[in-house]
Amino acid sequence: MSAWIKMIEDHEAKQELKEAFNLARTPHGTVDNVMRVHSLRPSTMKGHIVLYKSVLHDETNTIPKWFQETISSYVSILNNCTYSLANHWKNASHLIDDTKKSDAIKKALDKKKPEEVFTGKELAILKYSEKLTINPSEMREEDVQELKINNVSDGEILEANQIICYFNYVNRTINGLGVTTEGDIVGYYKKK
């Protein structure tokens, strides 16, 4: 485990923290450092995991999972958050399930030129993601209208907005506390 602050191990946890750890366990059965960094304050870990699952793992979301993970990855690139990028790009690649396509997408995102591989609805969401991440005080109603012109529904706008906002929060948590993937199993999905 690695962070700039103390993180409590499973065997040291008191009841409230054990309960939080159980909520935060991945499909691998582990607690990733992004959650464990909250171990000194179990209430923030509980809040974080509930927010995370509602933003990225809610079955009622209509943005395809691969694109949710792509948005997550792009925000993490914009914030230079290597932890989130490692995890969420691995998830995106897994869900895209096409090495050539995922390599082209990653290359375009790294260059901050999503227009090289995306058009229409997806490109509009990625441009919205970039502006909201880099220049949040410059957001205008026209930014949402541009999404609507590109056939992004109000529900999808809310989903995208929450993914973007969540990753701006978590990227700052990770970068601000020096959290690394050391000891983590990178990626959410178990191998087939």
C-alpha atoms as a PDB file:
ATOM      1  CA  MET A   1       0.000   0.000   0.000  1.00  0.00           C
ATOM      2  CA  SER A   2       1.200   3.469  -0.685  1.00  0.00           C
ATOM      3  CA  ALA A   3       0.055   6.945   0.246  1.00  0.00           C
ATOM      4  CA  TRP A   4       1.467   9.932   2.054  1.00  0.00           C
ATOM      5  CA  ILE A   5      -0.817   9.318   5.043  1.00  0.00           C
ATOM      6  CA  LYS A   6      -1.361   6.255   7.222  1.00  0.00           C
ATOM      7  CA  MET A   7      -3.674   3.585   5.845  1.00  0.00           C
ATOM      8  CA  ILE A   8      -5.076   0.950   8.177  1.00  0.00           C
ATOM      9  CA  GLU A   9      -4.675  -2.728   7.287  1.00  0.00           C
ATOM     10  CA  ASP A  10      -7.639  -5.136   7.408  1.00  0.00           C
ATOM     11  CA  HIS A  11      -6.328  -6.931  10.503  1.00  0.00           C
ATOM     12  CA  GLU A  12      -6.070  -3.606  12.412  1.00  0.00           C
ATOM     13  CA  ALA A  13      -9.602  -2.438  11.569  1.00  0.00           C
ATOM     14  CA  LYS A  14     -12.289  -1.864  14.182  1.00  0.00           C
ATOM     15  CA  GLN A  15     -15.933  -2.715  13.443  1.00  0.00           C
ATOM     16  CA  GLU A  16     -16.946   0.515  11.658  1.00  0.00           C
ATOM     17  CA  LEU A  17     -13.900   0.326   9.394  1.00  0.00           C
ATOM     18  CA  LYS A  18     -14.447  -3.401   8.741  1.00  0.00           C
ATOM     19  CA  GLU A  19     -17.955  -2.544   7.535  1.00  0.00           C
ATOM     20  CA  ALA A  20     -16.574   0.182   5.262  1.00  0.00           C
ATOM     21  CA  PHE A  21     -13.923  -2.213   3.915  1.00  0.00           C
ATOM     22  CA  ASN A  22     -16.641  -4.752   3.120  1.00  0.00           C
ATOM     23  CA  LEU A  23     -18.563  -2.120   1.124  1.00  0.00           C
ATOM     24  CA  ALA A  24     -15.384  -1.128  -0.721  1.00  0.00           C
ATOM     25  CA  ARG A  25     -14.184  -4.608  -1.714  1.00  0.00           C
ATOM     26  CA  THR A  26     -13.603  -5.045  -5.420  1.00  0.00           C
ATOM     27  CA  PRO A  27     -14.689  -8.114  -7.405  1.00  0.00           C
ATOM     28  CA  HIS A  28     -11.155  -9.350  -6.612  1.00  0.00           C
ATOM     29  CA  GLY A  29     -11.976  -9.283  -2.881  1.00  0.00           C
ATOM     30  CA  THR A  30      -9.474  -6.515  -2.155  1.00  0.00           C
ATOM     31  CA  VAL A  31      -9.750  -2.906  -0.980  1.00  0.00           C
ATOM     32  CA  ASP A  32      -7.970  -0.617  -3.414  1.00  0.00           C
ATOM     33  CA  ASN A  33      -5.739   2.151  -2.089  1.00  0.00           C
ATOM     34  CA  VAL A  34      -8.137   4.795  -3.452  1.00  0.00           C
ATOM     35  CA  MET A  35     -10.623   3.585  -0.829  1.00  0.00           C
ATOM     36  CA  ARG A  36      -8.153   2.471   1.843  1.00  0.00           C
ATOM     37  CA  VAL A  37      -6.729   5.999   1.988  1.00  0.00           C
ATOM     38  CA  HIS A  38     -10.006   6.889   3.774  1.00  0.00           C
ATOM     39  CA  SER A  39      -9.365   4.301   6.511  1.00  0.00           C
ATOM     40  CA  LEU A  40      -8.734   6.940   9.185  1.00  0.00           C
ATOM     41  CA  ARG A  41     -12.266   8.260   8.508  1.00  0.00           C
ATOM     42  CA  PRO A  42     -14.575   5.328   7.614  1.00  0.00           C
ATOM     43  CA  SER A  43     -17.518   7.675   7.018  1.00  0.00           C
ATOM     44  CA  THR A  44     -15.746   9.290   4.047  1.00  0.00           C
ATOM     45  CA  MET A  45     -14.906   5.823   2.695  1.00  0.00           C
ATOM     46  CA  LYS A  46     -18.586   4.850   2.881  1.00  0.00           C
ATOM     47  CA  GLY A  47     -19.626   8.065   1.134  1.00  0.00           C
ATOM     48  CA  HIS A  48     -16.962   7.623  -1.521  1.00  0.00           C
ATOM     49  CA  ILE A  49     -17.924   4.034  -2.366  1.00  0.00           C
ATOM     50  CA  VAL A  50     -21.629   4.885  -2.597  1.00  0.00           C
ATOM     51  CA  LEU A  51     -20.847   7.790  -4.933  1.00  0.00           C
ATOM     52  CA  TYR A  52     -18.467   5.676  -7.032  1.00  0.00           C
ATOM     53  CA  LYS A  53     -20.946   2.837  -7.489  1.00  0.00           C
ATOM     54  CA  SER A  54     -23.805   5.207  -8.352  1.00  0.00           C
ATOM     55  CA  VAL A  55     -21.703   7.017 -10.941  1.00  0.00           C
ATOM     56  CA  LEU A  56     -19.991   4.080 -12.682  1.00  0.00           C
ATOM     57  CA  HIS A  57     -21.683   0.834 -11.745  1.00  0.00           C
ATOM     58  CA  ASP A  58     -25.385   1.658 -11.738  1.00  0.00           C
ATOM     59  CA  GLU A  59     -27.318  -0.612 -14.060  1.00  0.00           C
ATOM     60  CA  THR A  60     -29.793   2.190 -14.897  1.00  0.00           C
ATOM     61  CA  ASN A  61     -27.077   4.297 -16.580  1.00  0.00           C
ATOM     62  CA  THR A  62     -27.575   4.466 -20.334  1.00  0.00           C
ATOM     63  CA  ILE A  63     -24.132   5.648 -21.469  1.00  0.00           C
ATOM     64  CA  PRO A  64     -22.360   2.429 -22.501  1.00  0.00           C
ATOM     65  CA  LYS A  65     -19.968   1.163 -19.815  1.00  0.00           C
ATOM     66  CA  TRP A  66     -16.966   1.273 -22.136  1.00  0.00           C
ATOM     67  CA  PHE A  67     -17.645   4.955 -22.811  1.00  0.00           C
ATOM     68  CA  GLN A  68     -18.218   5.715 -19.115  1.00  0.00           C
ATOM     69  CA  GLU A  69     -14.724   4.313 -18.529  1.00  0.00           C
ATOM     70  CA  THR A  70     -13.384   6.308 -21.493  1.00  0.00           C
ATOM     71  CA  ILE A  71     -14.775   9.534 -20.008  1.00  0.00           C
ATOM     72  CA  SER A  72     -13.189   8.556 -16.678  1.00  0.00           C
ATOM     73  CA  SER A  73      -9.864   7.966 -18.385  1.00  0.00           C
ATOM     74  CA  TYR A  74      -9.959  11.252 -20.280  1.00  0.00           C
ATOM     75  CA  VAL A  75     -10.667  13.268 -17.128  1.00  0.00           C
ATOM     76  CA  SER A  76      -7.801  11.409 -15.431  1.00  0.00           C
ATOM     77  CA  ILE A  77      -5.475  12.261 -18.334  1.00  0.00           C
ATOM     78  CA  LEU A  78      -6.491  15.923 -18.113  1.00  0.00           C
ATOM     79  CA  ASN A  79      -5.779  15.868 -14.352  1.00  0.00           C
ATOM     80  CA  ASN A  80      -2.543  13.876 -14.742  1.00  0.00           C
ATOM     81  CA  CYS A  81      -3.852  11.224 -12.348  1.00  0.00           C
ATOM     82  CA  THR A  82      -1.882   8.100 -13.183  1.00  0.00           C
ATOM     83  CA  TYR A  83      -3.702   6.004 -10.549  1.00  0.00           C
ATOM     84  CA  SER A  84      -7.191   6.512 -11.980  1.00  0.00           C
ATOM     85  CA  LEU A  85      -5.920   6.320 -15.533  1.00  0.00           C
ATOM     86  CA  ALA A  86      -4.232   2.955 -14.915  1.00  0.00           C
ATOM     87  CA  ASN A  87      -7.416   1.489 -13.456  1.00  0.00           C
ATOM     88  CA  HIS A  88     -10.042   3.030 -15.688  1.00  0.00           C
ATOM     89  CA  TRP A  89      -8.187   2.708 -18.963  1.00  0.00           C
ATOM     90  CA  LYS A  90      -7.686  -0.975 -18.163  1.00  0.00           C
ATOM     91  CA  ASN A  91     -11.458  -1.179 -17.612  1.00  0.00           C
ATOM     92  CA  ALA A  92     -12.191   0.692 -20.848  1.00  0.00           C
ATOM     93  CA  SER A  93      -9.840  -1.531 -22.843  1.00  0.00           C
ATOM     94  CA  HIS A  94     -11.413  -4.631 -21.328  1.00  0.00           C
ATOM     95  CA  LEU A  95     -14.919  -3.439 -22.240  1.00  0.00           C
ATOM     96  CA  ILE A  96     -13.945  -2.228 -25.742  1.00  0.00           C
ATOM     97  CA  ASP A  97     -12.482  -5.686 -26.344  1.00  0.00           C
ATOM     98  CA  ASP A  98     -10.682  -4.596 -29.526  1.00  0.00           C
ATOM     99  CA  THR A  99      -6.969  -3.852 -29.146  1.00  0.00           C
ATOM    100  CA  LYS A 100      -6.676  -1.827 -32.348  1.00  0.00           C
ATOM    101  CA  LYS A 101      -9.675   0.359 -31.444  1.00  0.00           C
ATOM    102  CA  SER A 102      -8.635   0.843 -27.809  1.00  0.00           C
ATOM    103  CA  ASP A 103      -5.044   1.710 -28.834  1.00  0.00           C
ATOM    104  CA  ALA A 104      -6.318   4.358 -31.276  1.00  0.00           C
ATOM    105  CA  ILE A 105      -8.629   5.835 -28.636  1.00  0.00           C
ATOM    106  CA  LYS A 106      -5.885   5.947 -25.988  1.00  0.00           C
ATOM    107  CA  LYS A 107      -3.459   7.600 -28.404  1.00  0.00           C
ATOM    108  CA  ALA A 108      -6.011  10.315 -29.276  1.00  0.00           C
ATOM    109  CA  LEU A 109      -6.902  10.920 -25.620  1.00  0.00           C
ATOM    110  CA  ASP A 110      -3.229  11.154 -24.635  1.00  0.00           C
ATOM    111  CA  LYS A 111      -2.798  13.872 -27.270  1.00  0.00           C
ATOM    112  CA  LYS A 112      -5.992  15.547 -26.009  1.00  0.00           C
ATOM    113  CA  LYS A 113      -7.423  15.203 -29.493  1.00  0.00           C
ATOM    114  CA  PRO A 114     -10.504  13.007 -29.128  1.00  0.00           C
ATOM    115  CA  GLU A 115     -11.715  14.281 -32.508  1.00  0.00           C
ATOM    116  CA  GLU A 116      -9.162  11.957 -34.129  1.00  0.00           C
ATOM    117  CA  VAL A 117     -11.337   8.944 -33.247  1.00  0.00           C
ATOM    118  CA  PHE A 118     -14.705  10.264 -32.058  1.00  0.00           C
ATOM    119  CA  THR A 119     -17.534  12.171 -33.709  1.00  0.00           C
ATOM    120  CA  GLY A 120     -21.052  13.262 -32.816  1.00  0.00           C
ATOM    121  CA  LYS A 121     -22.425  12.390 -29.407  1.00  0.00           C
ATOM    122  CA  GLU A 122     -19.244  10.842 -28.014  1.00  0.00           C
ATOM    123  CA  LEU A 123     -17.034  13.718 -29.160  1.00  0.00           C
ATOM    124  CA  ALA A 124     -19.469  16.272 -27.737  1.00  0.00           C
ATOM    125  CA  ILE A 125     -19.353  14.523 -24.345  1.00  0.00           C
ATOM    126  CA  LEU A 126     -15.537  14.417 -24.368  1.00  0.00           C
ATOM    127  CA  LYS A 127     -15.323  18.120 -25.257  1.00  0.00           C
ATOM    128  CA  TYR A 128     -17.767  18.887 -22.433  1.00  0.00           C
ATOM    129  CA  SER A 129     -15.586  16.722 -20.150  1.00  0.00           C
ATOM    130  CA  GLU A 130     -12.494  18.707 -21.067  1.00  0.00           C
ATOM    131  CA  LYS A 131     -14.055  22.119 -20.518  1.00  0.00           C
ATOM    132  CA  LEU A 132     -15.705  21.144 -17.223  1.00  0.00           C
ATOM    133  CA  THR A 133     -12.406  19.690 -15.967  1.00  0.00           C
ATOM    134  CA  ILE A 134     -10.046  22.463 -17.096  1.00  0.00           C
ATOM    135  CA  ASN A 135     -12.265  25.564 -17.079  1.00  0.00           C
ATOM    136  CA  PRO A 136     -15.240  24.879 -14.797  1.00  0.00           C
ATOM    137  CA  SER A 137     -15.943  28.568 -14.169  1.00  0.00           C
ATOM    138  CA  GLU A 138     -16.403  29.114 -17.920  1.00  0.00           C
ATOM    139  CA  MET A 139     -19.266  26.627 -18.304  1.00  0.00           C
ATOM    140  CA  ARG A 140     -22.343  28.109 -19.972  1.00  0.00           C
ATOM    141  CA  GLU A 141     -25.804  26.883 -20.935  1.00  0.00           C
ATOM    142  CA  GLU A 142     -24.516  26.704 -24.511  1.00  0.00           C
ATOM    143  CA  ASP A 143     -22.220  23.840 -23.451  1.00  0.00           C
ATOM    144  CA  VAL A 144     -25.242  21.744 -22.507  1.00  0.00           C
ATOM    145  CA  GLN A 145     -27.145  22.871 -25.604  1.00  0.00           C
ATOM    146  CA  GLU A 146     -24.240  21.587 -27.730  1.00  0.00           C
ATOM    147  CA  LEU A 147     -24.689  18.165 -26.118  1.00  0.00           C
ATOM    148  CA  LYS A 148     -28.416  18.240 -26.897  1.00  0.00           C
ATOM    149  CA  ILE A 149     -27.719  19.202 -30.536  1.00  0.00           C
ATOM    150  CA  ASN A 150     -25.574  16.043 -30.680  1.00  0.00           C
ATOM    151  CA  ASN A 151     -28.457  13.872 -29.426  1.00  0.00           C
ATOM    152  CA  VAL A 152     -27.265  13.507 -25.832  1.00  0.00           C
ATOM    153  CA  SER A 153     -30.392  13.138 -23.686  1.00  0.00           C
ATOM    154  CA  ASP A 154     -30.839  15.059 -20.446  1.00  0.00           C
ATOM    155  CA  GLY A 155     -30.354  11.821 -18.488  1.00  0.00           C
ATOM    156  CA  GLU A 156     -27.103  11.105 -20.341  1.00  0.00           C
ATOM    157  CA  ILE A 157     -25.966  14.693 -19.749  1.00  0.00           C
ATOM    158  CA  LEU A 158     -26.490  14.150 -16.028  1.00  0.00           C
ATOM    159  CA  GLU A 159     -24.661  10.792 -16.152  1.00  0.00           C
ATOM    160  CA  ALA A 160     -21.698  12.316 -18.012  1.00  0.00           C
ATOM    161  CA  ASN A 161     -21.642  15.323 -15.689  1.00  0.00           C
ATOM    162  CA  GLN A 162     -21.530  13.080 -12.624  1.00  0.00           C
ATOM    163  CA  ILE A 163     -18.749  10.897 -14.063  1.00  0.00           C
ATOM    164  CA  ILE A 164     -16.709  14.011 -14.854  1.00  0.00           C
ATOM    165  CA  CYS A 165     -17.343  15.575 -11.445  1.00  0.00           C
ATOM    166  CA  TYR A 166     -16.611  12.326  -9.603  1.00  0.00           C
ATOM    167  CA  PHE A 167     -13.286  11.887 -11.382  1.00  0.00           C
ATOM    168  CA  ASN A 168     -12.288  15.470 -10.686  1.00  0.00           C
ATOM    169  CA  TYR A 169     -12.977  14.731  -7.000  1.00  0.00           C
ATOM    170  CA  VAL A 170     -11.202  11.381  -6.906  1.00  0.00           C
ATOM    171  CA  ASN A 171      -8.227  12.547  -9.006  1.00  0.00           C
ATOM    172  CA  ARG A 172      -7.649  15.339  -6.513  1.00  0.00           C
ATOM    173  CA  THR A 173      -8.002  12.952  -3.573  1.00  0.00           C
ATOM    174  CA  ILE A 174      -5.449  10.589  -5.109  1.00  0.00           C
ATOM    175  CA  ASN A 175      -2.983  13.245  -6.263  1.00  0.00           C
ATOM    176  CA  GLY A 176      -3.355  15.230  -3.032  1.00  0.00           C
ATOM    177  CA  LEU A 177      -2.606  12.225  -0.805  1.00  0.00           C
ATOM    178  CA  GLY A 178       0.031  10.545  -2.982  1.00  0.00           C
ATOM    179  CA  VAL A 179      -1.974   7.355  -3.509  1.00  0.00           C
ATOM    180  CA  THR A 180      -0.336   4.777  -5.781  1.00  0.00           C
ATOM    181  CA  THR A 181      -1.395   1.420  -7.183  1.00  0.00           C
ATOM    182  CA  GLU A 182       1.307  -0.355  -5.175  1.00  0.00           C
ATOM    183  CA  GLY A 183      -0.329  -3.503  -3.785  1.00  0.00           C
ATOM    184  CA  ASP A 184      -3.572  -3.023  -5.756  1.00  0.00           C
ATOM    185  CA  ILE A 185      -4.970  -5.283  -8.449  1.00  0.00           C
ATOM    186  CA  VAL A 186      -5.329  -2.764 -11.281  1.00  0.00           C
ATOM    187  CA  GLY A 187      -8.722  -2.757 -12.997  1.00  0.00           C
ATOM    188  CA  TYR A 188     -12.210  -3.541 -11.770  1.00  0.00           C
ATOM    189  CA  TYR A 189     -13.033  -6.548 -13.914  1.00  0.00           C
ATOM    190  CA  LYS A 190     -11.779 -10.071 -13.294  1.00  0.00           C
ATOM    191  CA  LYS A 191     -10.049 -11.689 -16.241  1.00  0.00           C
ATOM    192  CA  LYS A 192     -12.177 -14.055 -18.292  1.00  0.00           C
END
